[in-house]
Structure formats: structure tokens, C-alpha cells
mmCIF file of all heavy atoms, coordinates in Angstrom:
data_MODEL
# 
_entry.id   MODEL 
# 
loop_
_atom_site.group_PDB 
_atom_site.id 
_atom_site.type_symbol 
_atom_site.label_atom_id 
_atom_site.label_alt_id 
_atom_site.label_comp_id 
_atom_site.label_asym_id 
_atom_site.label_entity_id 
_atom_site.label_seq_id 
_atom_site.pdbx_PDB_ins_code 
_atom_site.Cartn_x 
_atom_site.Cartn_y 
_atom_site.Cartn_z 
_atom_site.occupancy 
_atom_site.B_iso_or_equiv 
_atom_site.pdbx_formal_charge 
_atom_site.auth_seq_id 
_atom_site.auth_comp_id 
_atom_site.auth_asym_id 
_atom_site.auth_atom_id 
_atom_site.pdbx_PDB_model_num 
ATOM 1   N N   . THR A 1 1  ? 8.365   -7.958  -5.579  1.00 0.00 ? 1  THR A N   1 
ATOM 2   C CA  . THR A 1 1  ? 9.099   -6.910  -4.868  1.00 0.00 ? 1  THR A CA  1 
ATOM 3   C C   . THR A 1 1  ? 8.297   -5.603  -4.866  1.00 0.00 ? 1  THR A C   1 
ATOM 4   O O   . THR A 1 1  ? 8.127   -4.960  -3.829  1.00 0.00 ? 1  THR A O   1 
ATOM 5   C CB  . THR A 1 1  ? 10.468  -6.673  -5.523  1.00 0.00 ? 1  THR A CB  1 
ATOM 6   O OG1 . THR A 1 1  ? 11.229  -7.878  -5.476  1.00 0.00 ? 1  THR A OG1 1 
ATOM 7   C CG2 . THR A 1 1  ? 11.234  -5.571  -4.818  1.00 0.00 ? 1  THR A CG2 1 
ATOM 8   N N   . LEU A 1 2  ? 7.809   -5.217  -6.039  1.00 0.00 ? 2  LEU A N   1 
ATOM 9   C CA  . LEU A 1 2  ? 7.043   -3.977  -6.160  1.00 0.00 ? 2  LEU A CA  1 
ATOM 10  C C   . LEU A 1 2  ? 5.781   -4.010  -5.310  1.00 0.00 ? 2  LEU A C   1 
ATOM 11  O O   . LEU A 1 2  ? 5.458   -3.037  -4.604  1.00 0.00 ? 2  LEU A O   1 
ATOM 12  C CB  . LEU A 1 2  ? 6.668   -3.739  -7.632  1.00 0.00 ? 2  LEU A CB  1 
ATOM 13  C CG  . LEU A 1 2  ? 7.819   -3.438  -8.602  1.00 0.00 ? 2  LEU A CG  1 
ATOM 14  C CD1 . LEU A 1 2  ? 7.298   -3.434  -10.032 1.00 0.00 ? 2  LEU A CD1 1 
ATOM 15  C CD2 . LEU A 1 2  ? 8.461   -2.102  -8.270  1.00 0.00 ? 2  LEU A CD2 1 
ATOM 16  N N   . LEU A 1 3  ? 5.078   -5.135  -5.350  1.00 0.00 ? 3  LEU A N   1 
ATOM 17  C CA  . LEU A 1 3  ? 3.807   -5.233  -4.632  1.00 0.00 ? 3  LEU A CA  1 
ATOM 18  C C   . LEU A 1 3  ? 4.017   -5.174  -3.125  1.00 0.00 ? 3  LEU A C   1 
ATOM 19  O O   . LEU A 1 3  ? 3.380   -4.367  -2.426  1.00 0.00 ? 3  LEU A O   1 
ATOM 20  C CB  . LEU A 1 3  ? 3.099   -6.539  -5.022  1.00 0.00 ? 3  LEU A CB  1 
ATOM 21  C CG  . LEU A 1 3  ? 1.744   -6.790  -4.343  1.00 0.00 ? 3  LEU A CG  1 
ATOM 22  C CD1 . LEU A 1 3  ? 0.761   -5.683  -4.682  1.00 0.00 ? 3  LEU A CD1 1 
ATOM 23  C CD2 . LEU A 1 3  ? 1.192   -8.151  -4.744  1.00 0.00 ? 3  LEU A CD2 1 
ATOM 24  N N   . PHE A 1 4  ? 4.921   -5.999  -2.614  1.00 0.00 ? 4  PHE A N   1 
ATOM 25  C CA  . PHE A 1 4  ? 5.111   -6.055  -1.160  1.00 0.00 ? 4  PHE A CA  1 
ATOM 26  C C   . PHE A 1 4  ? 5.706   -4.763  -0.617  1.00 0.00 ? 4  PHE A C   1 
ATOM 27  O O   . PHE A 1 4  ? 5.298   -4.284  0.448   1.00 0.00 ? 4  PHE A O   1 
ATOM 28  C CB  . PHE A 1 4  ? 5.991   -7.249  -0.795  1.00 0.00 ? 4  PHE A CB  1 
ATOM 29  C CG  . PHE A 1 4  ? 5.299   -8.581  -0.996  1.00 0.00 ? 4  PHE A CG  1 
ATOM 30  C CD1 . PHE A 1 4  ? 5.937   -9.617  -1.650  1.00 0.00 ? 4  PHE A CD1 1 
ATOM 31  C CD2 . PHE A 1 4  ? 4.003   -8.783  -0.541  1.00 0.00 ? 4  PHE A CD2 1 
ATOM 32  C CE1 . PHE A 1 4  ? 5.306   -10.836 -1.846  1.00 0.00 ? 4  PHE A CE1 1 
ATOM 33  C CE2 . PHE A 1 4  ? 3.360   -9.992  -0.731  1.00 0.00 ? 4  PHE A CE2 1 
ATOM 34  C CZ  . PHE A 1 4  ? 4.007   -11.034 -1.388  1.00 0.00 ? 4  PHE A CZ  1 
ATOM 35  N N   . LEU A 1 5  ? 6.651   -4.182  -1.332  1.00 0.00 ? 5  LEU A N   1 
ATOM 36  C CA  . LEU A 1 5  ? 7.233   -2.924  -0.861  1.00 0.00 ? 5  LEU A CA  1 
ATOM 37  C C   . LEU A 1 5  ? 6.193   -1.809  -0.861  1.00 0.00 ? 5  LEU A C   1 
ATOM 38  O O   . LEU A 1 5  ? 6.151   -0.981  0.069   1.00 0.00 ? 5  LEU A O   1 
ATOM 39  C CB  . LEU A 1 5  ? 8.426   -2.527  -1.736  1.00 0.00 ? 5  LEU A CB  1 
ATOM 40  C CG  . LEU A 1 5  ? 9.704   -3.343  -1.559  1.00 0.00 ? 5  LEU A CG  1 
ATOM 41  C CD1 . LEU A 1 5  ? 10.791  -2.838  -2.493  1.00 0.00 ? 5  LEU A CD1 1 
ATOM 42  C CD2 . LEU A 1 5  ? 10.193  -3.269  -0.106  1.00 0.00 ? 5  LEU A CD2 1 
ATOM 43  N N   . ALA A 1 6  ? 5.347   -1.780  -1.902  1.00 0.00 ? 6  ALA A N   1 
ATOM 44  C CA  . ALA A 1 6  ? 4.307   -0.752  -1.955  1.00 0.00 ? 6  ALA A CA  1 
ATOM 45  C C   . ALA A 1 6  ? 3.354   -0.887  -0.768  1.00 0.00 ? 6  ALA A C   1 
ATOM 46  O O   . ALA A 1 6  ? 2.987   0.118   -0.129  1.00 0.00 ? 6  ALA A O   1 
ATOM 47  C CB  . ALA A 1 6  ? 3.541   -0.854  -3.272  1.00 0.00 ? 6  ALA A CB  1 
ATOM 48  N N   . LEU A 1 7  ? 2.955   -2.118  -0.452  1.00 0.00 ? 7  LEU A N   1 
ATOM 49  C CA  . LEU A 1 7  ? 2.013   -2.319  0.657   1.00 0.00 ? 7  LEU A CA  1 
ATOM 50  C C   . LEU A 1 7  ? 2.672   -2.011  1.998   1.00 0.00 ? 7  LEU A C   1 
ATOM 51  O O   . LEU A 1 7  ? 2.062   -1.374  2.869   1.00 0.00 ? 7  LEU A O   1 
ATOM 52  C CB  . LEU A 1 7  ? 1.498   -3.763  0.635   1.00 0.00 ? 7  LEU A CB  1 
ATOM 53  C CG  . LEU A 1 7  ? 0.636   -4.147  -0.578  1.00 0.00 ? 7  LEU A CG  1 
ATOM 54  C CD1 . LEU A 1 7  ? 0.228   -5.612  -0.501  1.00 0.00 ? 7  LEU A CD1 1 
ATOM 55  C CD2 . LEU A 1 7  ? -0.608  -3.258  -0.676  1.00 0.00 ? 7  LEU A CD2 1 
ATOM 56  N N   . ILE A 1 8  ? 3.926   -2.442  2.172   1.00 0.00 ? 8  ILE A N   1 
ATOM 57  C CA  . ILE A 1 8  ? 4.607   -2.217  3.458   1.00 0.00 ? 8  ILE A CA  1 
ATOM 58  C C   . ILE A 1 8  ? 4.875   -0.734  3.687   1.00 0.00 ? 8  ILE A C   1 
ATOM 59  O O   . ILE A 1 8  ? 4.526   -0.178  4.742   1.00 0.00 ? 8  ILE A O   1 
ATOM 60  C CB  . ILE A 1 8  ? 5.934   -3.017  3.500   1.00 0.00 ? 8  ILE A CB  1 
ATOM 61  C CG1 . ILE A 1 8  ? 5.640   -4.519  3.551   1.00 0.00 ? 8  ILE A CG1 1 
ATOM 62  C CG2 . ILE A 1 8  ? 6.766   -2.603  4.710   1.00 0.00 ? 8  ILE A CG2 1 
ATOM 63  C CD1 . ILE A 1 8  ? 6.856   -5.391  3.327   1.00 0.00 ? 8  ILE A CD1 1 
ATOM 64  N N   . PHE A 1 9  ? 5.494   -0.080  2.709   1.00 0.00 ? 9  PHE A N   1 
ATOM 65  C CA  . PHE A 1 9  ? 5.834   1.340   2.890   1.00 0.00 ? 9  PHE A CA  1 
ATOM 66  C C   . PHE A 1 9  ? 4.574   2.213   2.860   1.00 0.00 ? 9  PHE A C   1 
ATOM 67  O O   . PHE A 1 9  ? 4.531   3.263   3.503   1.00 0.00 ? 9  PHE A O   1 
ATOM 68  C CB  . PHE A 1 9  ? 6.838   1.778   1.830   1.00 0.00 ? 9  PHE A CB  1 
ATOM 69  C CG  . PHE A 1 9  ? 8.252   1.388   2.136   1.00 0.00 ? 9  PHE A CG  1 
ATOM 70  C CD1 . PHE A 1 9  ? 8.724   0.132   1.808   1.00 0.00 ? 9  PHE A CD1 1 
ATOM 71  C CD2 . PHE A 1 9  ? 9.109   2.273   2.781   1.00 0.00 ? 9  PHE A CD2 1 
ATOM 72  C CE1 . PHE A 1 9  ? 10.031  -0.241  2.093   1.00 0.00 ? 9  PHE A CE1 1 
ATOM 73  C CE2 . PHE A 1 9  ? 10.413  1.917   3.075   1.00 0.00 ? 9  PHE A CE2 1 
ATOM 74  C CZ  . PHE A 1 9  ? 10.882  0.640   2.732   1.00 0.00 ? 9  PHE A CZ  1 
ATOM 75  N N   . GLY A 1 10 ? 3.567   1.796   2.068   1.00 0.00 ? 10 GLY A N   1 
ATOM 76  C CA  . GLY A 1 10 ? 2.310   2.526   2.073   1.00 0.00 ? 10 GLY A CA  1 
ATOM 77  C C   . GLY A 1 10 ? 1.615   2.452   3.418   1.00 0.00 ? 10 GLY A C   1 
ATOM 78  O O   . GLY A 1 10 ? 1.063   3.454   3.905   1.00 0.00 ? 10 GLY A O   1 
ATOM 79  N N   . TRP A 1 11 ? 1.662   1.279   4.066   1.00 0.00 ? 11 TRP A N   1 
ATOM 80  C CA  . TRP A 1 11 ? 1.077   1.132   5.407   1.00 0.00 ? 11 TRP A CA  1 
ATOM 81  C C   . TRP A 1 11 ? 1.807   2.033   6.402   1.00 0.00 ? 11 TRP A C   1 
ATOM 82  O O   . TRP A 1 11 ? 1.172   2.691   7.235   1.00 0.00 ? 11 TRP A O   1 
ATOM 83  C CB  . TRP A 1 11 ? 1.174   -0.332  5.836   1.00 0.00 ? 11 TRP A CB  1 
ATOM 84  C CG  . TRP A 1 11 ? 0.676   -0.577  7.235   1.00 0.00 ? 11 TRP A CG  1 
ATOM 85  C CD1 . TRP A 1 11 ? 1.364   -0.435  8.403   1.00 0.00 ? 11 TRP A CD1 1 
ATOM 86  C CD2 . TRP A 1 11 ? -0.654  -0.971  7.608   1.00 0.00 ? 11 TRP A CD2 1 
ATOM 87  N NE1 . TRP A 1 11 ? 0.584   -0.725  9.484   1.00 0.00 ? 11 TRP A NE1 1 
ATOM 88  C CE2 . TRP A 1 11 ? -0.673  -1.062  9.027   1.00 0.00 ? 11 TRP A CE2 1 
ATOM 89  C CE3 . TRP A 1 11 ? -1.812  -1.258  6.896   1.00 0.00 ? 11 TRP A CE3 1 
ATOM 90  C CZ2 . TRP A 1 11 ? -1.807  -1.441  9.733   1.00 0.00 ? 11 TRP A CZ2 1 
ATOM 91  C CZ3 . TRP A 1 11 ? -2.946  -1.642  7.601   1.00 0.00 ? 11 TRP A CZ3 1 
ATOM 92  C CH2 . TRP A 1 11 ? -2.940  -1.722  8.986   1.00 0.00 ? 11 TRP A CH2 1 
ATOM 93  N N   . ILE A 1 12 ? 3.141   2.063   6.300   1.00 0.00 ? 12 ILE A N   1 
ATOM 94  C CA  . ILE A 1 12 ? 3.921   2.929   7.210   1.00 0.00 ? 12 ILE A CA  1 
ATOM 95  C C   . ILE A 1 12 ? 3.586   4.400   6.959   1.00 0.00 ? 12 ILE A C   1 
ATOM 96  O O   . ILE A 1 12 ? 3.463   5.193   7.898   1.00 0.00 ? 12 ILE A O   1 
ATOM 97  C CB  . ILE A 1 12 ? 5.435   2.690   7.008   1.00 0.00 ? 12 ILE A CB  1 
ATOM 98  C CG1 . ILE A 1 12 ? 5.805   1.268   7.415   1.00 0.00 ? 12 ILE A CG1 1 
ATOM 99  C CG2 . ILE A 1 12 ? 6.261   3.697   7.807   1.00 0.00 ? 12 ILE A CG2 1 
ATOM 100 C CD1 . ILE A 1 12 ? 7.230   0.877   7.057   1.00 0.00 ? 12 ILE A CD1 1 
ATOM 101 N N   . GLY A 1 13 ? 3.418   4.766   5.674   1.00 0.00 ? 13 GLY A N   1 
ATOM 102 C CA  . GLY A 1 13 ? 3.230   6.170   5.323   1.00 0.00 ? 13 GLY A CA  1 
ATOM 103 C C   . GLY A 1 13 ? 1.834   6.702   5.572   1.00 0.00 ? 13 GLY A C   1 
ATOM 104 O O   . GLY A 1 13 ? 1.671   7.815   6.100   1.00 0.00 ? 13 GLY A O   1 
ATOM 105 N N   . PHE A 1 14 ? 0.803   5.939   5.211   1.00 0.00 ? 14 PHE A N   1 
ATOM 106 C CA  . PHE A 1 14 ? -0.559  6.471   5.374   1.00 0.00 ? 14 PHE A CA  1 
ATOM 107 C C   . PHE A 1 14 ? -1.583  5.404   5.777   1.00 0.00 ? 14 PHE A C   1 
ATOM 108 O O   . PHE A 1 14 ? -2.782  5.556   5.532   1.00 0.00 ? 14 PHE A O   1 
ATOM 109 C CB  . PHE A 1 14 ? -1.021  7.207   4.104   1.00 0.00 ? 14 PHE A CB  1 
ATOM 110 C CG  . PHE A 1 14 ? -0.718  6.503   2.806   1.00 0.00 ? 14 PHE A CG  1 
ATOM 111 C CD1 . PHE A 1 14 ? -1.559  5.548   2.290   1.00 0.00 ? 14 PHE A CD1 1 
ATOM 112 C CD2 . PHE A 1 14 ? 0.434   6.831   2.100   1.00 0.00 ? 14 PHE A CD2 1 
ATOM 113 C CE1 . PHE A 1 14 ? -1.284  4.929   1.095   1.00 0.00 ? 14 PHE A CE1 1 
ATOM 114 C CE2 . PHE A 1 14 ? 0.729   6.212   0.902   1.00 0.00 ? 14 PHE A CE2 1 
ATOM 115 C CZ  . PHE A 1 14 ? -0.137  5.253   0.388   1.00 0.00 ? 14 PHE A CZ  1 
ATOM 116 N N   . GLY A 1 15 ? -1.120  4.334   6.386   1.00 0.00 ? 15 GLY A N   1 
ATOM 117 C CA  . GLY A 1 15 ? -2.019  3.391   7.029   1.00 0.00 ? 15 GLY A CA  1 
ATOM 118 C C   . GLY A 1 15 ? -2.767  2.473   6.077   1.00 0.00 ? 15 GLY A C   1 
ATOM 119 O O   . GLY A 1 15 ? -2.375  2.269   4.926   1.00 0.00 ? 15 GLY A O   1 
ATOM 120 N N   . PRO A 1 16 ? -3.893  1.906   6.547   1.00 0.00 ? 16 PRO A N   1 
ATOM 121 C CA  . PRO A 1 16 ? -4.636  0.900   5.769   1.00 0.00 ? 16 PRO A CA  1 
ATOM 122 C C   . PRO A 1 16 ? -5.251  1.428   4.473   1.00 0.00 ? 16 PRO A C   1 
ATOM 123 O O   . PRO A 1 16 ? -5.747  0.628   3.661   1.00 0.00 ? 16 PRO A O   1 
ATOM 124 C CB  . PRO A 1 16 ? -5.731  0.436   6.743   1.00 0.00 ? 16 PRO A CB  1 
ATOM 125 C CG  . PRO A 1 16 ? -5.831  1.506   7.781   1.00 0.00 ? 16 PRO A CG  1 
ATOM 126 C CD  . PRO A 1 16 ? -4.485  2.133   7.878   1.00 0.00 ? 16 PRO A CD  1 
ATOM 127 N N   . VAL A 1 17 ? -5.210  2.724   4.272   1.00 0.00 ? 17 VAL A N   1 
ATOM 128 C CA  . VAL A 1 17 ? -5.705  3.285   3.002   1.00 0.00 ? 17 VAL A CA  1 
ATOM 129 C C   . VAL A 1 17 ? -4.939  2.697   1.815   1.00 0.00 ? 17 VAL A C   1 
ATOM 130 O O   . VAL A 1 17 ? -5.444  2.645   0.690   1.00 0.00 ? 17 VAL A O   1 
ATOM 131 C CB  . VAL A 1 17 ? -5.575  4.830   3.015   1.00 0.00 ? 17 VAL A CB  1 
ATOM 132 C CG1 . VAL A 1 17 ? -5.970  5.433   1.680   1.00 0.00 ? 17 VAL A CG1 1 
ATOM 133 C CG2 . VAL A 1 17 ? -6.424  5.413   4.119   1.00 0.00 ? 17 VAL A CG2 1 
ATOM 134 N N   . VAL A 1 18 ? -3.729  2.210   2.063   1.00 0.00 ? 18 VAL A N   1 
ATOM 135 C CA  . VAL A 1 18 ? -2.914  1.662   0.976   1.00 0.00 ? 18 VAL A CA  1 
ATOM 136 C C   . VAL A 1 18 ? -3.604  0.491   0.292   1.00 0.00 ? 18 VAL A C   1 
ATOM 137 O O   . VAL A 1 18 ? -3.453  0.289   -0.922  1.00 0.00 ? 18 VAL A O   1 
ATOM 138 C CB  . VAL A 1 18 ? -1.518  1.240   1.503   1.00 0.00 ? 18 VAL A CB  1 
ATOM 139 C CG1 . VAL A 1 18 ? -1.612  0.036   2.446   1.00 0.00 ? 18 VAL A CG1 1 
ATOM 140 C CG2 . VAL A 1 18 ? -0.584  0.911   0.350   1.00 0.00 ? 18 VAL A CG2 1 
ATOM 141 N N   . PHE A 1 19 ? -4.400  -0.285  1.054   1.00 0.00 ? 19 PHE A N   1 
ATOM 142 C CA  . PHE A 1 19 ? -5.091  -1.428  0.445   1.00 0.00 ? 19 PHE A CA  1 
ATOM 143 C C   . PHE A 1 19 ? -6.217  -0.965  -0.474  1.00 0.00 ? 19 PHE A C   1 
ATOM 144 O O   . PHE A 1 19 ? -6.451  -1.549  -1.538  1.00 0.00 ? 19 PHE A O   1 
ATOM 145 C CB  . PHE A 1 19 ? -5.632  -2.357  1.532   1.00 0.00 ? 19 PHE A CB  1 
ATOM 146 C CG  . PHE A 1 19 ? -4.557  -2.974  2.377   1.00 0.00 ? 19 PHE A CG  1 
ATOM 147 C CD1 . PHE A 1 19 ? -4.343  -2.552  3.684   1.00 0.00 ? 19 PHE A CD1 1 
ATOM 148 C CD2 . PHE A 1 19 ? -3.734  -3.956  1.850   1.00 0.00 ? 19 PHE A CD2 1 
ATOM 149 C CE1 . PHE A 1 19 ? -3.339  -3.116  4.462   1.00 0.00 ? 19 PHE A CE1 1 
ATOM 150 C CE2 . PHE A 1 19 ? -2.721  -4.526  2.616   1.00 0.00 ? 19 PHE A CE2 1 
ATOM 151 C CZ  . PHE A 1 19 ? -2.527  -4.108  3.925   1.00 0.00 ? 19 PHE A CZ  1 
ATOM 152 N N   . ASP A 1 20 ? -6.903  0.101   -0.084  1.00 0.00 ? 20 ASP A N   1 
ATOM 153 C CA  . ASP A 1 20 ? -7.916  0.686   -0.971  1.00 0.00 ? 20 ASP A CA  1 
ATOM 154 C C   . ASP A 1 20 ? -7.258  1.235   -2.236  1.00 0.00 ? 20 ASP A C   1 
ATOM 155 O O   . ASP A 1 20 ? -7.784  1.076   -3.344  1.00 0.00 ? 20 ASP A O   1 
ATOM 156 C CB  . ASP A 1 20 ? -8.667  1.821   -0.248  1.00 0.00 ? 20 ASP A CB  1 
ATOM 157 C CG  . ASP A 1 20 ? -9.428  1.324   0.966   1.00 0.00 ? 20 ASP A CG  1 
ATOM 158 O OD1 . ASP A 1 20 ? -9.866  0.151   0.942   1.00 0.00 ? 20 ASP A OD1 1 
ATOM 159 O OD2 . ASP A 1 20 ? -9.579  2.095   1.932   1.00 0.00 ? 20 ASP A OD2 1 
ATOM 160 N N   . LEU A 1 21 ? -6.099  1.879   -2.055  1.00 0.00 ? 21 LEU A N   1 
ATOM 161 C CA  . LEU A 1 21 ? -5.372  2.434   -3.202  1.00 0.00 ? 21 LEU A CA  1 
ATOM 162 C C   . LEU A 1 21 ? -4.953  1.314   -4.163  1.00 0.00 ? 21 LEU A C   1 
ATOM 163 O O   . LEU A 1 21 ? -5.107  1.448   -5.385  1.00 0.00 ? 21 LEU A O   1 
ATOM 164 C CB  . LEU A 1 21 ? -4.145  3.198   -2.706  1.00 0.00 ? 21 LEU A CB  1 
ATOM 165 C CG  . LEU A 1 21 ? -3.285  3.889   -3.777  1.00 0.00 ? 21 LEU A CG  1 
ATOM 166 C CD1 . LEU A 1 21 ? -4.089  4.977   -4.467  1.00 0.00 ? 21 LEU A CD1 1 
ATOM 167 C CD2 . LEU A 1 21 ? -2.026  4.472   -3.138  1.00 0.00 ? 21 LEU A CD2 1 
ATOM 168 N N   . ALA A 1 22 ? -4.454  0.206   -3.600  1.00 0.00 ? 22 ALA A N   1 
ATOM 169 C CA  . ALA A 1 22 ? -4.036  -0.926  -4.436  1.00 0.00 ? 22 ALA A CA  1 
ATOM 170 C C   . ALA A 1 22 ? -5.221  -1.504  -5.201  1.00 0.00 ? 22 ALA A C   1 
ATOM 171 O O   . ALA A 1 22 ? -5.114  -1.839  -6.390  1.00 0.00 ? 22 ALA A O   1 
ATOM 172 C CB  . ALA A 1 22 ? -3.382  -1.999  -3.572  1.00 0.00 ? 22 ALA A CB  1 
ATOM 173 N N   . TYR A 1 23 ? -6.359  -1.614  -4.525  1.00 0.00 ? 23 TYR A N   1 
ATOM 174 C CA  . TYR A 1 23 ? -7.568  -2.148  -5.178  1.00 0.00 ? 23 TYR A CA  1 
ATOM 175 C C   . TYR A 1 23 ? -8.006  -1.241  -6.322  1.00 0.00 ? 23 TYR A C   1 
ATOM 176 O O   . TYR A 1 23 ? -8.273  -1.714  -7.446  1.00 0.00 ? 23 TYR A O   1 
ATOM 177 C CB  . TYR A 1 23 ? -8.676  -2.278  -4.134  1.00 0.00 ? 23 TYR A CB  1 
ATOM 178 C CG  . TYR A 1 23 ? -10.025 -2.596  -4.716  1.00 0.00 ? 23 TYR A CG  1 
ATOM 179 C CD1 . TYR A 1 23 ? -10.352 -3.883  -5.131  1.00 0.00 ? 23 TYR A CD1 1 
ATOM 180 C CD2 . TYR A 1 23 ? -10.990 -1.590  -4.856  1.00 0.00 ? 23 TYR A CD2 1 
ATOM 181 C CE1 . TYR A 1 23 ? -11.602 -4.158  -5.676  1.00 0.00 ? 23 TYR A CE1 1 
ATOM 182 C CE2 . TYR A 1 23 ? -12.233 -1.851  -5.386  1.00 0.00 ? 23 TYR A CE2 1 
ATOM 183 C CZ  . TYR A 1 23 ? -12.534 -3.145  -5.800  1.00 0.00 ? 23 TYR A CZ  1 
ATOM 184 O OH  . TYR A 1 23 ? -13.772 -3.421  -6.344  1.00 0.00 ? 23 TYR A OH  1 
ATOM 185 N N   . LEU A 1 24 ? -8.063  0.053   -6.071  1.00 0.00 ? 24 LEU A N   1 
ATOM 186 C CA  . LEU A 1 24 ? -8.517  0.988   -7.103  1.00 0.00 ? 24 LEU A CA  1 
ATOM 187 C C   . LEU A 1 24 ? -7.543  1.031   -8.284  1.00 0.00 ? 24 LEU A C   1 
ATOM 188 O O   . LEU A 1 24 ? -7.973  1.117   -9.448  1.00 0.00 ? 24 LEU A O   1 
ATOM 189 C CB  . LEU A 1 24 ? -8.683  2.387   -6.499  1.00 0.00 ? 24 LEU A CB  1 
ATOM 190 C CG  . LEU A 1 24 ? -9.819  2.541   -5.477  1.00 0.00 ? 24 LEU A CG  1 
ATOM 191 C CD1 . LEU A 1 24 ? -9.760  3.913   -4.814  1.00 0.00 ? 24 LEU A CD1 1 
ATOM 192 C CD2 . LEU A 1 24 ? -11.179 2.322   -6.158  1.00 0.00 ? 24 LEU A CD2 1 
ATOM 193 N N   . GLN A 1 25 ? -6.245  0.962   -8.007  1.00 0.00 ? 25 GLN A N   1 
ATOM 194 C CA  . GLN A 1 25 ? -5.258  0.977   -9.088  1.00 0.00 ? 25 GLN A CA  1 
ATOM 195 C C   . GLN A 1 25 ? -5.380  -0.281  -9.945  1.00 0.00 ? 25 GLN A C   1 
ATOM 196 O O   . GLN A 1 25 ? -5.233  -0.232  -11.165 1.00 0.00 ? 25 GLN A O   1 
ATOM 197 C CB  . GLN A 1 25 ? -3.838  1.080   -8.513  1.00 0.00 ? 25 GLN A CB  1 
ATOM 198 C CG  . GLN A 1 25 ? -3.520  2.417   -7.885  1.00 0.00 ? 25 GLN A CG  1 
ATOM 199 C CD  . GLN A 1 25 ? -3.556  3.549   -8.884  1.00 0.00 ? 25 GLN A CD  1 
ATOM 200 O OE1 . GLN A 1 25 ? -3.104  3.419   -10.012 1.00 0.00 ? 25 GLN A OE1 1 
ATOM 201 N NE2 . GLN A 1 25 ? -4.104  4.689   -8.484  1.00 0.00 ? 25 GLN A NE2 1 
# 
């Protein structure tokens, strides 16, 4: 739940940068 919601809402909020953020975290 945490992972998918973070990726979905992160994509809506600031685009594909969310995947870089997830990788770095």
C-alpha cells in the first residue's frame, strides 16, 4: 500500500522524479 500510493501520488505531484526519489531512498 505504501509503495504503490507513494509512486502514484508522487507521479501526480511531481512527475517521473518520484522513481529517482524512490531509488535514492
